[in-house]
Amino acid sequence: MTSEAFMLSFPPMKRWQGFALLLLTIQAPAFAEGIDLLNTRSFQGGPINNETVSQLRVKWVYQTAPDTGTASNAQGSISSTPAVDGPYLYFNDMTGYLTKLDRFTGKLIWRKNYVNDLSVPGFVVKGSRNTPYVKGDLIIVGSNMGLVDRLCRLTPGATPSALGCASGDGAIVLAINKQTGQVVWRTKADTHPSSKITGSISGHDNMIFVPVGNWEEDWARAYPNIYVDPVDPASHYPCCSARGSLVAMDVNTGEIRWKRHTNIGDDPDHELTPALRALLQPKGSFGTSTYGHSPTVDAARRQVYIATAQTTTAPQVAQDCEQARRRSGDPNANIPGLPAGVNCNNLN
């Protein structure tokens, strides 16, 4: 099997001169994954609509990986929308490449491998599933895919592959010069070994917004064989210790402006009093990844909207409260040792 990028065109029609090419009369702004600030994923006024979409024809094909004739998990697949910038397309594929094409001809401009071309020690990126965020001369992407090397089971002398093992260097954001394909800056949005950036990056003015998720759910149920069936019954991952977050960065430098976790963990939280902070010991609340979407920016209200996944662990105090309810059959059951004014019903 192989994966390919397609260029589509309309056949000649009376109301257009020659061919009306897909994306010829529409421009994707910098926030390409959601098309616009409001993440509508909708082009207004272009030639493609419910009446003309059936007339699309293949104009060119670009093959991301050789056709082996056999099934290969995710080999070369393109799981996110390409970004459009003038006459060029930028996209990621699951073999670990970032590619720039001429969008009218399919001609390859450059192709960069994340491991060999875009990584340095401590900032190893195995691949990305983002729609690249285009701003000025920069293409900005976040890291995704892979397992932590120290936990992977490799035969002697084997080399970790892009879909097999990763460095555990955390969730990394790369800014790449769109002319040369060279890295301009790199920043870690999160240092947890399982953290990743599956959702595409959004931005407004000189700020970008990075949604951070993690691999822990996958690792806990099937580690390290999340790409093969059947899963390994002996797999083990000490779940869980990662949290989702939204990170704001300077688009020109990668400097982190602020970071907001999607729930509280076992580290000090400035919003909690010491008494409430103590309730999080010995283990906090983890999970609530932000992935699968790009943050939506409301510029007028100066707000950013994200969605989260499920929690993976709860603080011990929450588990104790739930056990008290079940033992007593009383939905208002309480437990001893809570701070003044705090009970099981208002912990949330």
C-alpha atoms as a PDB file:
ATOM      1  CA  MET A   1       0.000   0.000   0.000  1.00  0.00           C
ATOM      2  CA  THR A   2       1.055   3.592  -0.452  1.00  0.00           C
ATOM      3  CA  SER A   3      -0.192   7.062   0.329  1.00  0.00           C
ATOM      4  CA  GLU A   4      -0.495   9.909  -2.109  1.00  0.00           C
ATOM      5  CA  ALA A   5      -1.321  13.596  -2.323  1.00  0.00           C
ATOM      6  CA  PHE A   6      -3.815  14.469  -5.061  1.00  0.00           C
ATOM      7  CA  MET A   7      -4.354  17.643  -7.070  1.00  0.00           C
ATOM      8  CA  LEU A   8      -7.876  17.935  -8.449  1.00  0.00           C
ATOM      9  CA  SER A   9      -9.274  20.127 -11.200  1.00  0.00           C
ATOM     10  CA  PHE A  10     -12.560  20.835 -12.912  1.00  0.00           C
ATOM     11  CA  PRO A  11     -13.102  20.003 -16.558  1.00  0.00           C
ATOM     12  CA  PRO A  12     -13.485  23.067 -18.825  1.00  0.00           C
ATOM     13  CA  MET A  13     -16.782  24.840 -18.245  1.00  0.00           C
ATOM     14  CA  LYS A  14     -18.390  27.819 -19.943  1.00  0.00           C
ATOM     15  CA  ARG A  15     -18.266  30.073 -16.925  1.00  0.00           C
ATOM     16  CA  TRP A  16     -14.495  29.670 -16.452  1.00  0.00           C
ATOM     17  CA  GLN A  17     -11.668  30.166 -18.897  1.00  0.00           C
ATOM     18  CA  GLY A  18      -9.725  26.892 -19.174  1.00  0.00           C
ATOM     19  CA  PHE A  19      -9.341  24.964 -15.903  1.00  0.00           C
ATOM     20  CA  ALA A  20     -10.539  26.071 -12.505  1.00  0.00           C
ATOM     21  CA  LEU A  21      -8.007  24.417 -10.232  1.00  0.00           C
ATOM     22  CA  LEU A  22      -8.715  23.327  -6.680  1.00  0.00           C
ATOM     23  CA  LEU A  23      -7.498  26.109  -4.368  1.00  0.00           C
ATOM     24  CA  LEU A  24      -6.726  28.373  -7.349  1.00  0.00           C
ATOM     25  CA  THR A  25      -9.132  31.082  -6.267  1.00  0.00           C
ATOM     26  CA  ILE A  26      -9.014  30.460  -2.530  1.00  0.00           C
ATOM     27  CA  GLN A  27      -6.180  31.188  -0.138  1.00  0.00           C
ATOM     28  CA  ALA A  28      -5.760  29.512   3.223  1.00  0.00           C
ATOM     29  CA  PRO A  29      -4.589  32.004   5.824  1.00  0.00           C
ATOM     30  CA  ALA A  30      -1.918  31.189   8.400  1.00  0.00           C
ATOM     31  CA  PHE A  31      -4.379  29.232  10.559  1.00  0.00           C
ATOM     32  CA  ALA A  32      -4.608  26.577   7.882  1.00  0.00           C
ATOM     33  CA  GLU A  33      -5.912  23.588   9.834  1.00  0.00           C
ATOM     34  CA  GLY A  34      -9.130  25.379  10.705  1.00  0.00           C
ATOM     35  CA  ILE A  35      -8.967  27.722   7.677  1.00  0.00           C
ATOM     36  CA  ASP A  36      -9.762  30.830   9.731  1.00  0.00           C
ATOM     37  CA  LEU A  37      -9.584  32.184  13.267  1.00  0.00           C
ATOM     38  CA  LEU A  38     -12.961  30.720  14.143  1.00  0.00           C
ATOM     39  CA  ASN A  39     -11.854  27.257  12.978  1.00  0.00           C
ATOM     40  CA  THR A  40     -14.792  26.969  10.579  1.00  0.00           C
ATOM     41  CA  ARG A  41     -12.906  24.794   8.036  1.00  0.00           C
ATOM     42  CA  SER A  42     -14.943  26.579   5.383  1.00  0.00           C
ATOM     43  CA  PHE A  43     -13.999  28.607   2.302  1.00  0.00           C
ATOM     44  CA  GLN A  44     -16.488  31.236   1.208  1.00  0.00           C
ATOM     45  CA  GLY A  45     -16.875  32.292  -2.416  1.00  0.00           C
ATOM     46  CA  GLY A  46     -14.614  29.646  -3.981  1.00  0.00           C
ATOM     47  CA  PRO A  47     -15.446  27.568  -7.061  1.00  0.00           C
ATOM     48  CA  ILE A  48     -16.001  24.335  -5.112  1.00  0.00           C
ATOM     49  CA  ASN A  49     -19.458  23.839  -3.668  1.00  0.00           C
ATOM     50  CA  ASN A  50     -22.183  21.198  -3.494  1.00  0.00           C
ATOM     51  CA  GLU A  51     -23.016  21.729  -7.176  1.00  0.00           C
ATOM     52  CA  THR A  52     -19.473  21.524  -8.563  1.00  0.00           C
ATOM     53  CA  VAL A  53     -17.677  19.041  -6.292  1.00  0.00           C
ATOM     54  CA  SER A  54     -18.792  16.054  -8.403  1.00  0.00           C
ATOM     55  CA  GLN A  55     -16.891  17.508 -11.371  1.00  0.00           C
ATOM     56  CA  LEU A  56     -13.468  17.351  -9.710  1.00  0.00           C
ATOM     57  CA  ARG A  57     -10.857  15.342 -11.613  1.00  0.00           C
ATOM     58  CA  VAL A  58      -7.331  14.267 -10.685  1.00  0.00           C
ATOM     59  CA  LYS A  59      -4.751  16.774 -11.953  1.00  0.00           C
ATOM     60  CA  TRP A  60      -1.581  15.309 -10.445  1.00  0.00           C
ATOM     61  CA  VAL A  61      -0.510  12.720  -7.864  1.00  0.00           C
ATOM     62  CA  TYR A  62       2.436  12.851  -5.461  1.00  0.00           C
ATOM     63  CA  GLN A  63       3.481   9.577  -3.825  1.00  0.00           C
ATOM     64  CA  THR A  64       4.810   9.909  -0.270  1.00  0.00           C
ATOM     65  CA  ALA A  65       6.131   6.346   0.026  1.00  0.00           C
ATOM     66  CA  PRO A  66       6.868   3.531  -2.440  1.00  0.00           C
ATOM     67  CA  ASP A  67       4.052   1.114  -3.158  1.00  0.00           C
ATOM     68  CA  THR A  68       5.196  -2.187  -1.662  1.00  0.00           C
ATOM     69  CA  GLY A  69       2.061  -4.040  -2.682  1.00  0.00           C
ATOM     70  CA  THR A  70       1.460  -5.104   0.914  1.00  0.00           C
ATOM     71  CA  ALA A  71      -0.381  -3.569   3.831  1.00  0.00           C
ATOM     72  CA  SER A  72       1.804  -1.389   6.042  1.00  0.00           C
ATOM     73  CA  ASN A  73       0.436   0.418   9.075  1.00  0.00           C
ATOM     74  CA  ALA A  74       0.334   4.175   8.431  1.00  0.00           C
ATOM     75  CA  GLN A  75       3.158   3.922   5.856  1.00  0.00           C
ATOM     76  CA  GLY A  76       3.326   7.350   4.259  1.00  0.00           C
ATOM     77  CA  SER A  77      -0.248   8.270   5.147  1.00  0.00           C
ATOM     78  CA  ILE A  78      -1.182  11.945   5.380  1.00  0.00           C
ATOM     79  CA  SER A  79      -3.453  12.294   8.398  1.00  0.00           C
ATOM     80  CA  SER A  80      -3.788  16.081   8.480  1.00  0.00           C
ATOM     81  CA  THR A  81      -4.867  18.762   6.014  1.00  0.00           C
ATOM     82  CA  PRO A  82      -2.044  20.310   3.943  1.00  0.00           C
ATOM     83  CA  ALA A  83      -1.354  23.996   4.509  1.00  0.00           C
ATOM     84  CA  VAL A  84      -1.663  26.307   1.496  1.00  0.00           C
ATOM     85  CA  ASP A  85       0.632  29.304   1.101  1.00  0.00           C
ATOM     86  CA  GLY A  86       0.570  31.058  -2.280  1.00  0.00           C
ATOM     87  CA  PRO A  87       1.659  28.539  -4.934  1.00  0.00           C
ATOM     88  CA  TYR A  88       2.893  25.979  -2.379  1.00  0.00           C
ATOM     89  CA  LEU A  89       1.577  23.141  -0.215  1.00  0.00           C
ATOM     90  CA  TYR A  90       3.145  21.984   3.058  1.00  0.00           C
ATOM     91  CA  PHE A  91       2.190  18.696   4.695  1.00  0.00           C
ATOM     92  CA  ASN A  92       3.375  15.960   7.064  1.00  0.00           C
ATOM     93  CA  ASP A  93       3.237  12.218   6.497  1.00  0.00           C
ATOM     94  CA  MET A  94       3.448   9.259   8.851  1.00  0.00           C
ATOM     95  CA  THR A  95       6.872   8.136   7.649  1.00  0.00           C
ATOM     96  CA  GLY A  96       8.320  11.200   9.348  1.00  0.00           C
ATOM     97  CA  TYR A  97       8.651  13.759   6.542  1.00  0.00           C
ATOM     98  CA  LEU A  98       7.664  17.387   6.088  1.00  0.00           C
ATOM     99  CA  THR A  99       7.152  18.135   2.393  1.00  0.00           C
ATOM    100  CA  LYS A 100       6.789  21.265   0.260  1.00  0.00           C
ATOM    101  CA  LEU A 101       5.194  20.941  -3.185  1.00  0.00           C
ATOM    102  CA  ASP A 102       4.189  23.257  -5.989  1.00  0.00           C
ATOM    103  CA  ARG A 103       0.421  23.079  -5.588  1.00  0.00           C
ATOM    104  CA  PHE A 104      -0.298  23.504  -9.296  1.00  0.00           C
ATOM    105  CA  THR A 105       2.115  20.884 -10.661  1.00  0.00           C
ATOM    106  CA  GLY A 106       2.881  18.564  -7.738  1.00  0.00           C
ATOM    107  CA  LYS A 107       6.606  19.244  -8.221  1.00  0.00           C
ATOM    108  CA  LEU A 108       8.712  18.566  -5.128  1.00  0.00           C
ATOM    109  CA  ILE A 109      10.386  21.731  -3.783  1.00  0.00           C
ATOM    110  CA  TRP A 110      11.977  20.176  -0.709  1.00  0.00           C
ATOM    111  CA  ARG A 111      11.405  17.272   1.666  1.00  0.00           C
ATOM    112  CA  LYS A 112      12.814  17.082   5.191  1.00  0.00           C
ATOM    113  CA  ASN A 113      13.073  14.059   7.447  1.00  0.00           C
ATOM    114  CA  TYR A 114      12.342  14.936  11.064  1.00  0.00           C
ATOM    115  CA  VAL A 115      15.001  12.662  12.559  1.00  0.00           C
ATOM    116  CA  ASN A 116      17.842  13.220  10.102  1.00  0.00           C
ATOM    117  CA  ASP A 117      17.263  16.820   9.053  1.00  0.00           C
ATOM    118  CA  LEU A 118      15.295  18.588  11.787  1.00  0.00           C
ATOM    119  CA  SER A 119      16.413  17.028  15.102  1.00  0.00           C
ATOM    120  CA  VAL A 120      19.305  17.658  17.488  1.00  0.00           C
ATOM    121  CA  PRO A 121      20.197  15.850  20.748  1.00  0.00           C
ATOM    122  CA  GLY A 122      17.569  16.569  23.383  1.00  0.00           C
ATOM    123  CA  PHE A 123      15.082  17.705  20.729  1.00  0.00           C
ATOM    124  CA  VAL A 124      14.471  14.547  18.708  1.00  0.00           C
ATOM    125  CA  VAL A 125      11.266  14.669  16.663  1.00  0.00           C
ATOM    126  CA  LYS A 126      10.146  11.480  14.934  1.00  0.00           C
ATOM    127  CA  GLY A 127       7.226  12.930  13.033  1.00  0.00           C
ATOM    128  CA  SER A 128       4.251  15.283  13.064  1.00  0.00           C
ATOM    129  CA  ARG A 129       0.529  14.937  12.395  1.00  0.00           C
ATOM    130  CA  ASN A 130      -0.133  18.684  12.288  1.00  0.00           C
ATOM    131  CA  THR A 131      -1.340  20.889   9.525  1.00  0.00           C
ATOM    132  CA  PRO A 132       1.694  23.207   9.415  1.00  0.00           C
ATOM    133  CA  TYR A 133       1.016  26.719  10.692  1.00  0.00           C
ATOM    134  CA  VAL A 134       2.349  29.276   8.207  1.00  0.00           C
ATOM    135  CA  LYS A 135       3.330  32.739   9.419  1.00  0.00           C
ATOM    136  CA  GLY A 136       5.558  34.981   7.311  1.00  0.00           C
ATOM    137  CA  ASP A 137       8.664  32.971   6.412  1.00  0.00           C
ATOM    138  CA  LEU A 138       8.011  30.346   9.093  1.00  0.00           C
ATOM    139  CA  ILE A 139       6.331  26.946   9.076  1.00  0.00           C
ATOM    140  CA  ILE A 140       5.514  25.807  12.602  1.00  0.00           C
ATOM    141  CA  VAL A 141       4.779  22.197  13.562  1.00  0.00           C
ATOM    142  CA  GLY A 142       4.547  20.084  16.711  1.00  0.00           C
ATOM    143  CA  SER A 143       5.980  16.626  17.417  1.00  0.00           C
ATOM    144  CA  ASN A 144       3.922  13.459  17.549  1.00  0.00           C
ATOM    145  CA  MET A 145       4.241   9.672  17.226  1.00  0.00           C
ATOM    146  CA  GLY A 146       6.540   7.157  18.794  1.00  0.00           C
ATOM    147  CA  LEU A 147       7.368   5.358  22.023  1.00  0.00           C
ATOM    148  CA  VAL A 148      10.077   5.949  24.609  1.00  0.00           C
ATOM    149  CA  ASP A 149      13.334   4.200  23.696  1.00  0.00           C
ATOM    150  CA  ARG A 150      14.099   2.933  27.177  1.00  0.00           C
ATOM    151  CA  LEU A 151      10.770   1.089  27.279  1.00  0.00           C
ATOM    152  CA  CYS A 152      10.813  -0.301  23.738  1.00  0.00           C
ATOM    153  CA  ARG A 153      11.643  -3.961  23.252  1.00  0.00           C
ATOM    154  CA  LEU A 154      14.217  -4.097  20.485  1.00  0.00           C
ATOM    155  CA  THR A 155      16.239  -6.998  19.183  1.00  0.00           C
ATOM    156  CA  PRO A 156      20.022  -6.581  19.624  1.00  0.00           C
ATOM    157  CA  GLY A 157      21.363  -4.048  17.144  1.00  0.00           C
ATOM    158  CA  ALA A 158      17.905  -2.927  16.019  1.00  0.00           C
ATOM    159  CA  THR A 159      17.323   0.748  15.271  1.00  0.00           C
ATOM    160  CA  PRO A 160      14.188   2.496  16.546  1.00  0.00           C
ATOM    161  CA  SER A 161      11.901   3.415  13.664  1.00  0.00           C
ATOM    162  CA  ALA A 162       9.708   6.477  13.228  1.00  0.00           C
ATOM    163  CA  LEU A 163       6.651   4.388  14.052  1.00  0.00           C
ATOM    164  CA  GLY A 164       8.319   2.236  16.665  1.00  0.00           C
ATOM    165  CA  CYS A 165      10.279   4.144  19.265  1.00  0.00           C
ATOM    166  CA  ALA A 166      11.017   7.744  20.082  1.00  0.00           C
ATOM    167  CA  SER A 167      13.431   9.599  22.284  1.00  0.00           C
ATOM    168  CA  GLY A 168      11.012  10.643  24.990  1.00  0.00           C
ATOM    169  CA  ASP A 169      12.188  14.231  24.573  1.00  0.00           C
ATOM    170  CA  GLY A 170       8.710  15.615  25.169  1.00  0.00           C
ATOM    171  CA  ALA A 171       6.338  17.731  23.068  1.00  0.00           C
ATOM    172  CA  ILE A 172       8.513  19.830  20.779  1.00  0.00           C
ATOM    173  CA  VAL A 173       7.565  22.779  18.583  1.00  0.00           C
ATOM    174  CA  LEU A 174       9.704  23.518  15.517  1.00  0.00           C
ATOM    175  CA  ALA A 175       9.776  26.702  13.467  1.00  0.00           C
ATOM    176  CA  ILE A 176      11.163  26.038   9.995  1.00  0.00           C
ATOM    177  CA  ASN A 177      12.193  28.478   7.281  1.00  0.00           C
ATOM    178  CA  LYS A 178       9.753  27.846   4.444  1.00  0.00           C
ATOM    179  CA  GLN A 179      12.307  28.764   1.790  1.00  0.00           C
ATOM    180  CA  THR A 180      15.172  26.508   2.961  1.00  0.00           C
ATOM    181  CA  GLY A 181      13.505  23.917   5.180  1.00  0.00           C
ATOM    182  CA  GLN A 182      16.004  24.671   7.966  1.00  0.00           C
ATOM    183  CA  VAL A 183      15.061  24.947  11.645  1.00  0.00           C
ATOM    184  CA  VAL A 184      14.880  28.543  12.919  1.00  0.00           C
ATOM    185  CA  TRP A 185      13.957  27.760  16.546  1.00  0.00           C
ATOM    186  CA  ARG A 186      12.830  24.807  18.649  1.00  0.00           C
ATOM    187  CA  THR A 187      11.014  24.831  21.999  1.00  0.00           C
ATOM    188  CA  LYS A 188       9.625  22.168  24.330  1.00  0.00           C
ATOM    189  CA  ALA A 189       5.977  22.749  25.105  1.00  0.00           C
ATOM    190  CA  ASP A 190       6.118  19.902  27.632  1.00  0.00           C
ATOM    191  CA  THR A 191       8.937  17.739  28.973  1.00  0.00           C
ATOM    192  CA  HIS A 192       6.908  14.645  29.923  1.00  0.00           C
ATOM    193  CA  PRO A 193       8.261  11.687  27.873  1.00  0.00           C
ATOM    194  CA  SER A 194       4.772  10.762  26.632  1.00  0.00           C
ATOM    195  CA  SER A 195       3.683  14.285  25.648  1.00  0.00           C
ATOM    196  CA  LYS A 196       2.767  15.022  22.041  1.00  0.00           C
ATOM    197  CA  ILE A 197       1.159  17.666  19.846  1.00  0.00           C
ATOM    198  CA  THR A 198      -1.507  15.914  17.792  1.00  0.00           C
ATOM    199  CA  GLY A 199      -3.821  18.883  17.376  1.00  0.00           C
ATOM    200  CA  SER A 200      -2.576  21.516  14.950  1.00  0.00           C
ATOM    201  CA  ILE A 201      -1.201  24.825  16.158  1.00  0.00           C
ATOM    202  CA  SER A 202      -3.250  28.024  15.902  1.00  0.00           C
ATOM    203  CA  GLY A 203      -2.156  31.617  16.185  1.00  0.00           C
ATOM    204  CA  HIS A 204      -3.054  35.288  16.238  1.00  0.00           C
ATOM    205  CA  ASP A 205      -0.739  38.242  15.648  1.00  0.00           C
ATOM    206  CA  ASN A 206       2.666  37.244  17.085  1.00  0.00           C
ATOM    207  CA  MET A 207       1.342  34.497  19.353  1.00  0.00           C
ATOM    208  CA  ILE A 208       0.857  30.797  18.650  1.00  0.00           C
ATOM    209  CA  PHE A 209      -1.267  28.416  20.714  1.00  0.00           C
ATOM    210  CA  VAL A 210      -0.033  24.845  21.105  1.00  0.00           C
ATOM    211  CA  PRO A 211      -2.388  22.047  22.303  1.00  0.00           C
ATOM    212  CA  VAL A 212      -0.500  19.377  24.267  1.00  0.00           C
ATOM    213  CA  GLY A 213      -1.688  15.790  24.661  1.00  0.00           C
ATOM    214  CA  ASN A 214       0.042  12.538  25.584  1.00  0.00           C
ATOM    215  CA  TRP A 215       0.432   8.885  24.661  1.00  0.00           C
ATOM    216  CA  GLU A 216      -0.279   7.420  28.092  1.00  0.00           C
ATOM    217  CA  GLU A 217      -3.668   5.888  27.298  1.00  0.00           C
ATOM    218  CA  ASP A 218      -2.162   3.968  24.378  1.00  0.00           C
ATOM    219  CA  TRP A 219       0.949   2.985  26.276  1.00  0.00           C
ATOM    220  CA  ALA A 220      -0.959   1.723  29.304  1.00  0.00           C
ATOM    221  CA  ARG A 221      -3.174  -0.667  27.354  1.00  0.00           C
ATOM    222  CA  ALA A 222      -0.759  -2.089  24.813  1.00  0.00           C
ATOM    223  CA  TYR A 223       2.820  -0.966  25.391  1.00  0.00           C
ATOM    224  CA  PRO A 224       4.927  -1.144  23.314  1.00  0.00           C
ATOM    225  CA  ASN A 225       2.913  -2.640  20.471  1.00  0.00           C
ATOM    226  CA  ILE A 226       0.322   0.040  19.795  1.00  0.00           C
ATOM    227  CA  TYR A 227       0.642  -0.403  16.037  1.00  0.00           C
ATOM    228  CA  VAL A 228       0.206  -4.187  15.827  1.00  0.00           C
ATOM    229  CA  ASP A 229      -2.441  -6.781  16.671  1.00  0.00           C
ATOM    230  CA  PRO A 230      -2.852  -8.626  18.879  1.00  0.00           C
ATOM    231  CA  VAL A 231      -1.660  -6.401  21.690  1.00  0.00           C
ATOM    232  CA  ASP A 232       1.077  -7.671  23.962  1.00  0.00           C
ATOM    233  CA  PRO A 233      -0.565  -9.145  27.098  1.00  0.00           C
ATOM    234  CA  ALA A 234       2.687  -8.564  29.000  1.00  0.00           C
ATOM    235  CA  SER A 235       2.830  -4.888  28.119  1.00  0.00           C
ATOM    236  CA  HIS A 236       3.177  -2.508  31.024  1.00  0.00           C
ATOM    237  CA  TYR A 237       3.306   1.205  31.507  1.00  0.00           C
ATOM    238  CA  PRO A 238       3.043   2.836  34.957  1.00  0.00           C
ATOM    239  CA  CYS A 239       0.038   5.009  34.138  1.00  0.00           C
ATOM    240  CA  CYS A 240      -0.337   7.888  34.592  1.00  0.00           C
ATOM    241  CA  SER A 241       1.533  11.143  35.181  1.00  0.00           C
ATOM    242  CA  ALA A 242       0.948  13.424  32.168  1.00  0.00           C
ATOM    243  CA  ARG A 243      -1.527  16.288  31.810  1.00  0.00           C
ATOM    244  CA  GLY A 244      -2.916  18.124  28.837  1.00  0.00           C
ATOM    245  CA  SER A 245      -2.213  21.821  28.450  1.00  0.00           C
ATOM    246  CA  LEU A 246      -2.399  24.841  26.194  1.00  0.00           C
ATOM    247  CA  VAL A 247       0.866  26.681  25.661  1.00  0.00           C
ATOM    248  CA  ALA A 248       1.219  30.193  24.231  1.00  0.00           C
ATOM    249  CA  MET A 249       4.508  31.013  22.488  1.00  0.00           C
ATOM    250  CA  ASP A 250       6.075  33.935  20.680  1.00  0.00           C
ATOM    251  CA  VAL A 251       5.844  33.045  17.004  1.00  0.00           C
ATOM    252  CA  ASN A 252       9.218  34.617  16.159  1.00  0.00           C
ATOM    253  CA  THR A 253      11.332  33.198  18.975  1.00  0.00           C
ATOM    254  CA  GLY A 254       9.482  30.225  20.479  1.00  0.00           C
ATOM    255  CA  GLU A 255       9.585  31.828  23.920  1.00  0.00           C
ATOM    256  CA  ILE A 256       6.817  30.473  26.159  1.00  0.00           C
ATOM    257  CA  ARG A 257       4.504  33.305  27.207  1.00  0.00           C
ATOM    258  CA  TRP A 258       2.215  31.200  29.391  1.00  0.00           C
ATOM    259  CA  LYS A 259       1.094  27.623  29.938  1.00  0.00           C
ATOM    260  CA  ARG A 260      -2.262  26.440  31.257  1.00  0.00           C
ATOM    261  CA  HIS A 261      -2.811  22.821  32.318  1.00  0.00           C
ATOM    262  CA  THR A 262      -6.260  21.375  31.737  1.00  0.00           C
ATOM    263  CA  ASN A 263      -6.455  19.986  35.283  1.00  0.00           C
ATOM    264  CA  ILE A 264      -4.491  20.042  38.503  1.00  0.00           C
ATOM    265  CA  GLY A 265      -1.601  17.651  39.092  1.00  0.00           C
ATOM    266  CA  ASP A 266       0.684  16.795  41.991  1.00  0.00           C
ATOM    267  CA  ASP A 267       2.909  19.828  41.496  1.00  0.00           C
ATOM    268  CA  PRO A 268       2.315  23.163  43.279  1.00  0.00           C
ATOM    269  CA  ASP A 269      -0.542  25.060  41.702  1.00  0.00           C
ATOM    270  CA  HIS A 270      -0.700  28.808  42.313  1.00  0.00           C
ATOM    271  CA  GLU A 271      -4.485  28.720  42.385  1.00  0.00           C
ATOM    272  CA  LEU A 272      -4.674  26.302  45.311  1.00  0.00           C
ATOM    273  CA  THR A 273      -4.274  27.011  49.002  1.00  0.00           C
ATOM    274  CA  PRO A 274      -1.690  24.887  50.859  1.00  0.00           C
ATOM    275  CA  ALA A 275      -4.488  22.887  52.512  1.00  0.00           C
ATOM    276  CA  LEU A 276      -6.098  22.033  49.172  1.00  0.00           C
ATOM    277  CA  ARG A 277      -2.727  21.401  47.575  1.00  0.00           C
ATOM    278  CA  ALA A 278      -2.040  18.788  50.241  1.00  0.00           C
ATOM    279  CA  LEU A 279      -5.106  16.845  49.092  1.00  0.00           C
ATOM    280  CA  LEU A 280      -3.347  16.069  45.836  1.00  0.00           C
ATOM    281  CA  GLN A 281      -0.717  13.951  47.549  1.00  0.00           C
ATOM    282  CA  PRO A 282       0.532  11.380  46.877  1.00  0.00           C
ATOM    283  CA  LYS A 283      -0.910  11.501  43.370  1.00  0.00           C
ATOM    284  CA  GLY A 284      -2.728  14.202  41.494  1.00  0.00           C
ATOM    285  CA  SER A 285      -5.228  14.250  38.664  1.00  0.00           C
ATOM    286  CA  PHE A 286      -3.861  13.422  35.203  1.00  0.00           C
ATOM    287  CA  GLY A 287      -5.005  12.998  31.645  1.00  0.00           C
ATOM    288  CA  THR A 288      -7.344  15.474  29.876  1.00  0.00           C
ATOM    289  CA  SER A 289      -5.209  15.676  26.757  1.00  0.00           C
ATOM    290  CA  THR A 290      -5.896  18.362  24.177  1.00  0.00           C
ATOM    291  CA  TYR A 291      -5.634  16.678  20.804  1.00  0.00           C
ATOM    292  CA  GLY A 292      -7.377  16.138  17.522  1.00  0.00           C
ATOM    293  CA  HIS A 293      -8.246  19.784  16.923  1.00  0.00           C
ATOM    294  CA  SER A 294      -6.639  23.193  16.671  1.00  0.00           C
ATOM    295  CA  PRO A 295      -7.432  25.840  19.288  1.00  0.00           C
ATOM    296  CA  THR A 296     -10.124  28.288  18.201  1.00  0.00           C
ATOM    297  CA  VAL A 297      -9.209  31.949  18.654  1.00  0.00           C
ATOM    298  CA  ASP A 298     -11.800  34.608  19.505  1.00  0.00           C
ATOM    299  CA  ALA A 299      -9.784  37.759  18.836  1.00  0.00           C
ATOM    300  CA  ALA A 300     -12.583  40.143  19.813  1.00  0.00           C
ATOM    301  CA  ARG A 301     -12.899  38.649  23.309  1.00  0.00           C
ATOM    302  CA  ARG A 302      -9.181  37.741  23.580  1.00  0.00           C
ATOM    303  CA  GLN A 303     -10.071  34.128  24.325  1.00  0.00           C
ATOM    304  CA  VAL A 304      -8.892  30.730  23.084  1.00  0.00           C
ATOM    305  CA  TYR A 305     -11.147  27.660  23.101  1.00  0.00           C
ATOM    306  CA  ILE A 306      -9.943  24.060  23.392  1.00  0.00           C
ATOM    307  CA  ALA A 307     -11.514  20.671  24.099  1.00  0.00           C
ATOM    308  CA  THR A 308     -10.114  17.910  26.289  1.00  0.00           C
ATOM    309  CA  ALA A 309     -10.149  14.147  26.505  1.00  0.00           C
ATOM    310  CA  GLN A 310     -10.867  12.045  29.590  1.00  0.00           C
ATOM    311  CA  THR A 311      -8.897  11.969  32.814  1.00  0.00           C
ATOM    312  CA  THR A 312      -6.645   8.949  33.368  1.00  0.00           C
ATOM    313  CA  THR A 313      -6.183   9.131  37.152  1.00  0.00           C
ATOM    314  CA  ALA A 314      -7.858  11.007  39.982  1.00  0.00           C
ATOM    315  CA  PRO A 315      -6.368  12.314  43.253  1.00  0.00           C
ATOM    316  CA  GLN A 316      -6.516   9.851  46.141  1.00  0.00           C
ATOM    317  CA  VAL A 317      -8.953  12.098  47.982  1.00  0.00           C
ATOM    318  CA  ALA A 318     -11.434  11.836  45.085  1.00  0.00           C
ATOM    319  CA  GLN A 319     -11.131   8.062  45.116  1.00  0.00           C
ATOM    320  CA  ASP A 320     -11.654   8.006  48.904  1.00  0.00           C
ATOM    321  CA  CYS A 321     -14.812  10.101  48.550  1.00  0.00           C
ATOM    322  CA  GLU A 322     -16.191   7.795  45.885  1.00  0.00           C
ATOM    323  CA  GLN A 323     -15.477   4.721  48.015  1.00  0.00           C
ATOM    324  CA  ALA A 324     -17.250   6.363  50.971  1.00  0.00           C
ATOM    325  CA  ARG A 325     -20.351   6.949  48.831  1.00  0.00           C
ATOM    326  CA  ARG A 326     -20.388   3.362  47.613  1.00  0.00           C
ATOM    327  CA  ARG A 327     -19.840   1.818  51.052  1.00  0.00           C
ATOM    328  CA  SER A 328     -22.546   3.895  52.700  1.00  0.00           C
ATOM    329  CA  GLY A 329     -24.960   4.207  49.821  1.00  0.00           C
ATOM    330  CA  ASP A 330     -25.163   7.892  50.723  1.00  0.00           C
ATOM    331  CA  PRO A 331     -24.452  10.268  47.797  1.00  0.00           C
ATOM    332  CA  ASN A 332     -23.605  12.944  50.376  1.00  0.00           C
ATOM    333  CA  ALA A 333     -21.110  10.834  52.308  1.00  0.00           C
ATOM    334  CA  ASN A 334     -17.995  12.600  53.532  1.00  0.00           C
ATOM    335  CA  ILE A 335     -14.531  11.546  54.695  1.00  0.00           C
ATOM    336  CA  PRO A 336     -12.483  12.799  57.648  1.00  0.00           C
ATOM    337  CA  GLY A 337      -9.449  15.042  57.390  1.00  0.00           C
ATOM    338  CA  LEU A 338     -10.714  17.548  54.809  1.00  0.00           C
ATOM    339  CA  PRO A 339      -9.924  21.258  55.297  1.00  0.00           C
ATOM    340  CA  ALA A 340     -12.549  23.559  56.783  1.00  0.00           C
ATOM    341  CA  GLY A 341     -15.325  24.301  54.305  1.00  0.00           C
ATOM    342  CA  VAL A 342     -14.366  21.384  52.038  1.00  0.00           C
ATOM    343  CA  ASN A 343     -16.444  18.237  51.627  1.00  0.00           C
ATOM    344  CA  CYS A 344     -16.744  15.489  49.081  1.00  0.00           C
ATOM    345  CA  ASN A 345     -19.548  17.270  47.262  1.00  0.00           C
ATOM    346  CA  ASN A 346     -17.648  20.496  46.617  1.00  0.00           C
ATOM    347  CA  LEU A 347     -14.231  19.094  45.768  1.00  0.00           C
ATOM    348  CA  ASN A 348     -15.012  19.522  42.072  1.00  0.00           C
END
